[in-house]
Amino acid sequence: MEQTEGDVQQALAEILSELGVEQEAIDDSAVLGADLELDSTDAVEIGLELKRRFSVSVKVQVKGSETLGDLAKLVVEEIQQSGA
């Protein structure tokens, strides 16, 4: 089954909710570290959960300006490249 960016965004919203991020804060333009207050431990958790759900490995950046939308696009690209 082809995974769309919407599927990935939904999964990210679920993962972030499990990590305690307020639903209102979950937005494509939210910066992972600055806006969502995620740390390196959260990044590892997100990466592991994405690997479990989509069978792809992505490096989640919480330092810098990577947004939730950037991460979703990266995951979709990895899914397409892996043929998953």
Protein backbone atom coordinates (compact mmCIF):
# COMPACT_ATOMS: atom_id res chain seq x y z
CA MET A 1 0.00 0.00 0.00
CA GLU A 2 1.33 3.41 -0.98
CA GLN A 3 1.95 5.67 2.02
CA THR A 4 1.05 9.29 1.44
CA GLU A 5 2.32 12.38 3.20
CA GLY A 6 -1.08 12.55 4.91
CA ASP A 7 -0.57 9.03 6.32
CA VAL A 8 2.84 10.02 7.62
CA GLN A 9 1.52 13.27 9.10
CA GLN A 10 -1.23 11.33 10.89
CA ALA A 11 1.32 8.88 12.27
CA LEU A 12 3.57 11.74 13.41
CA ALA A 13 0.61 13.40 15.14
CA GLU A 14 -0.11 10.13 16.99
CA ILE A 15 3.55 9.67 17.96
CA LEU A 16 3.86 13.27 19.19
CA SER A 17 0.64 12.95 21.21
CA GLU A 18 2.08 9.84 22.86
CA LEU A 19 5.14 11.93 23.76
CA GLY A 20 2.92 14.50 25.45
CA VAL A 21 2.87 17.21 22.76
CA GLU A 22 -0.38 19.20 22.86
CA GLN A 23 -2.59 18.52 19.82
CA GLU A 24 -2.90 22.27 19.11
CA ALA A 25 0.89 22.54 18.77
CA ILE A 26 1.11 19.82 16.10
CA ASP A 27 1.35 21.71 12.83
CA ASP A 28 3.41 21.31 9.64
CA SER A 29 5.28 24.54 10.35
CA ALA A 30 6.13 23.66 13.97
CA VAL A 31 9.89 23.44 14.52
CA LEU A 32 10.64 20.14 16.25
CA GLY A 33 13.01 21.45 18.91
CA ALA A 34 12.00 25.07 19.40
CA ASP A 35 8.21 24.91 18.98
CA LEU A 36 7.46 21.35 20.12
CA GLU A 37 10.21 21.30 22.77
CA LEU A 38 11.46 17.89 21.69
CA ASP A 39 14.87 16.69 22.85
CA SER A 40 17.30 14.08 21.57
CA THR A 41 15.57 11.29 23.51
CA ASP A 42 12.28 12.23 21.85
CA ALA A 43 14.05 12.24 18.46
CA VAL A 44 15.22 8.66 19.03
CA GLU A 45 11.71 7.59 20.08
CA ILE A 46 10.19 9.21 17.00
CA GLY A 47 12.79 7.58 14.75
CA LEU A 48 12.18 4.14 16.25
CA GLU A 49 8.42 4.47 15.93
CA LEU A 50 8.70 5.63 12.30
CA LYS A 51 10.92 2.62 11.59
CA ARG A 52 8.35 0.32 13.20
CA ARG A 53 5.41 1.81 11.32
CA PHE A 54 6.96 2.46 7.91
CA SER A 55 10.13 0.29 7.81
CA VAL A 56 12.37 3.27 7.05
CA SER A 57 15.20 4.89 8.97
CA VAL A 58 15.28 8.67 9.20
CA LYS A 59 17.41 10.96 11.32
CA VAL A 60 15.10 13.19 13.33
CA GLN A 61 16.69 16.60 13.92
CA VAL A 62 15.59 18.47 17.04
CA LYS A 63 18.44 20.97 16.87
CA GLY A 64 18.08 23.45 14.07
CA SER A 65 15.02 24.43 12.11
CA GLU A 66 13.55 21.13 10.87
CA THR A 67 9.76 21.37 10.93
CA LEU A 68 7.15 18.67 11.28
CA GLY A 69 6.35 19.14 7.59
CA ASP A 70 10.03 18.67 6.68
CA LEU A 71 10.12 15.43 8.66
CA ALA A 72 6.94 14.13 7.00
CA LYS A 73 8.39 14.84 3.53
CA LEU A 74 11.65 13.11 4.48
CA VAL A 75 9.78 10.01 5.64
CA VAL A 76 7.71 9.88 2.42
CA GLU A 77 10.90 10.20 0.34
CA GLU A 78 12.51 7.35 2.30
CA ILE A 79 9.41 5.18 1.85
CA GLN A 80 9.44 5.82 -1.91
CA GLN A 81 13.17 5.11 -2.20
CA SER A 82 12.91 1.89 -0.22
CA GLY A 83 9.93 0.70 -2.23
CA ALA A 84 8.06 -0.05 0.99
